Protein backbone atom coordinates (compact mmCIF):
# COMPACT_ATOMS: atom_id res chain seq x y z
CA ILE A 1 -55.41 -78.52 -32.07
CA ILE A 2 -55.95 -76.35 -29.02
CA GLN A 3 -59.06 -74.26 -29.38
CA ARG A 4 -58.83 -70.66 -28.24
CA ARG A 5 -61.37 -69.52 -25.67
CA LYS A 6 -64.05 -67.26 -27.14
CA ILE A 7 -65.07 -63.95 -25.55
CA LEU A 8 -67.88 -61.55 -26.44
CA VAL A 9 -67.24 -57.88 -25.59
CA VAL A 10 -70.40 -55.74 -25.44
CA ASP A 11 -70.05 -51.96 -25.18
CA ASP A 12 -71.73 -49.15 -27.13
CA ASP A 13 -68.39 -47.26 -27.20
CA PRO A 14 -66.42 -48.48 -30.25
CA GLU A 15 -63.15 -47.21 -28.76
CA ALA A 16 -63.70 -49.24 -25.58
CA THR A 17 -64.53 -52.44 -27.50
CA TRP A 18 -61.50 -51.94 -29.74
CA MET A 19 -59.21 -51.49 -26.73
CA MET A 20 -60.54 -54.60 -24.99
CA LYS A 21 -60.21 -56.62 -28.20
CA GLU A 22 -56.60 -55.46 -28.66
CA VAL A 23 -55.76 -56.52 -25.09
CA LEU A 24 -57.47 -59.92 -25.36
CA LYS A 25 -56.87 -61.02 -28.98
CA PRO A 26 -53.32 -62.35 -28.49
CA ALA A 27 -54.71 -65.04 -26.17
CA TYR A 28 -58.43 -65.30 -27.05
CA GLU A 29 -60.85 -65.23 -29.94
CA VAL A 30 -62.81 -61.99 -29.45
CA GLU A 31 -66.11 -60.89 -30.98
CA LEU A 32 -67.60 -57.44 -30.52
CA ALA A 33 -71.17 -56.22 -30.08
CA HIS A 34 -72.28 -52.63 -29.63
CA SER A 35 -75.84 -53.14 -28.37
CA ASP A 36 -78.00 -55.59 -26.44
CA THR A 37 -79.67 -56.73 -29.67
CA GLU A 38 -76.34 -57.43 -31.34
CA ALA A 39 -75.14 -59.27 -28.22
CA PHE A 40 -78.14 -61.62 -28.24
CA GLU A 41 -77.75 -62.23 -31.99
CA LYS A 42 -74.11 -63.21 -31.51
CA PHE A 43 -74.97 -65.43 -28.54
CA SER A 44 -77.56 -67.28 -30.60
CA GLN A 45 -74.94 -68.00 -33.28
CA ASN A 46 -71.89 -68.88 -31.12
CA ASN A 47 -70.78 -70.61 -27.97
CA PHE A 48 -68.81 -68.14 -25.89
CA ASP A 49 -66.67 -68.92 -22.86
CA LEU A 50 -67.09 -65.46 -21.31
CA ALA A 51 -68.90 -62.15 -21.85
CA ILE A 52 -67.69 -58.67 -20.95
CA LEU A 53 -70.56 -56.18 -20.61
CA ASP A 54 -70.53 -52.44 -20.12
CA ILE A 55 -73.15 -51.32 -17.61
CA ARG A 56 -74.17 -48.10 -19.33
CA MET A 57 -75.61 -48.80 -22.78
CA PRO A 58 -78.64 -47.45 -24.61
CA PHE A 59 -81.91 -49.41 -24.46
CA THR A 60 -80.93 -52.24 -22.10
CA SER A 61 -78.18 -51.73 -19.53
CA GLY A 62 -75.39 -54.26 -19.18
CA ILE A 63 -77.05 -55.36 -15.95
CA GLY A 64 -80.28 -56.04 -17.86
CA VAL A 65 -78.34 -58.00 -20.48
CA CYS A 66 -76.63 -60.00 -17.72
CA HIS A 67 -80.02 -60.81 -16.15
CA ARG A 68 -81.26 -62.07 -19.52
CA PHE A 69 -78.12 -64.17 -20.09
CA LYS A 70 -78.54 -65.78 -16.67
CA GLU A 71 -82.25 -66.52 -17.27
CA ARG A 72 -81.68 -68.39 -20.55
CA ALA A 73 -80.78 -72.08 -20.43
CA GLU A 74 -78.28 -71.77 -23.29
CA THR A 75 -76.35 -68.86 -21.71
CA HIS A 76 -76.86 -69.08 -17.92
CA HIS A 77 -73.52 -70.86 -17.38
CA ILE A 78 -71.40 -68.22 -19.18
CA PRO A 79 -69.41 -66.04 -16.78
CA VAL A 80 -69.91 -62.30 -17.13
CA VAL A 81 -67.45 -59.50 -16.35
CA MET A 82 -69.17 -56.14 -15.89
CA VAL A 83 -67.23 -52.94 -16.71
CA SER A 84 -68.27 -49.39 -15.92
CA ALA A 85 -67.08 -45.83 -15.48
CA LEU A 86 -70.07 -45.18 -13.19
CA PRO A 87 -69.61 -45.00 -9.39
CA PRO A 88 -69.14 -48.57 -8.19
CA LYS A 89 -71.18 -48.52 -4.98
CA GLU A 90 -74.67 -49.32 -6.26
CA ASN A 91 -73.66 -50.65 -9.67
CA MET A 92 -71.26 -53.24 -8.30
CA GLU A 93 -73.94 -54.66 -6.01
CA ARG A 94 -76.50 -54.73 -8.85
CA ALA A 95 -73.97 -56.39 -11.18
CA TYR A 96 -73.28 -59.21 -8.72
CA GLU A 97 -77.01 -59.63 -8.01
CA ALA A 98 -77.57 -60.00 -11.78
CA GLY A 99 -75.03 -62.85 -11.86
CA ALA A 100 -71.75 -61.16 -12.78
CA SER A 101 -68.55 -63.02 -11.88
CA ALA A 102 -66.42 -59.86 -11.70
CA TYR A 103 -66.63 -56.07 -11.90
CA LEU A 104 -63.99 -53.72 -13.32
CA MET A 105 -63.98 -49.93 -13.00
CA LYS A 106 -63.10 -47.97 -16.15
CA PRO A 107 -60.50 -46.94 -16.88
CA PHE A 108 -58.64 -50.14 -16.08
CA ARG A 109 -55.15 -51.24 -16.99
CA PRO A 110 -54.83 -53.94 -19.68
CA GLU A 111 -53.23 -56.32 -17.19
CA GLU A 112 -56.23 -55.92 -14.85
CA LEU A 113 -58.59 -57.03 -17.62
CA LEU A 114 -56.35 -59.93 -18.61
CA GLY A 115 -55.93 -61.00 -14.98
CA VAL A 116 -59.69 -61.10 -14.32
CA VAL A 117 -60.41 -62.95 -17.57
CA GLU A 118 -57.63 -65.50 -16.99
CA LYS A 119 -58.74 -66.16 -13.41
CA ILE A 120 -62.38 -66.72 -14.37
CA LEU A 121 -61.61 -68.88 -17.41
CA SER A 122 -59.17 -71.01 -15.41
CA GLU A 123 -62.20 -72.13 -13.35
CA VAL A 124 -64.59 -72.72 -16.28
CA PRO A 125 -64.66 -75.66 -18.71
CA VAL A 126 -64.12 -74.84 -22.38
CA ALA A 127 -67.39 -74.24 -24.26
CA VAL A 128 -68.44 -77.00 -26.65
CA ARG A 129 -68.30 -75.77 -30.25
């Protein structure tokens, strides 16, 4: 049995998470979180192969969540794709400094998201479940 790669999508906008899930679910197992707290709960319960984080969220920004993922032994190896509708100049730099593997500007085309995810996961071993 081939195990599908598992992705966590974190965005406080339910429409955005739904869209990303629809794009990714034919090829990947996708879980959704709508806050930093929910993201950390899901990470403590599952082994994900990749996380997609929106930069602008209430409480802790996606960059803050990325920093915390990269500081924790159990999640530091998980690649992170940052997404944002904010101007890329300063946010892109901050995202990469936090440990992001890629950065996508919203709105993005479905094939852009799939292409970035496929490229990153092609370079990462499958998570042990």
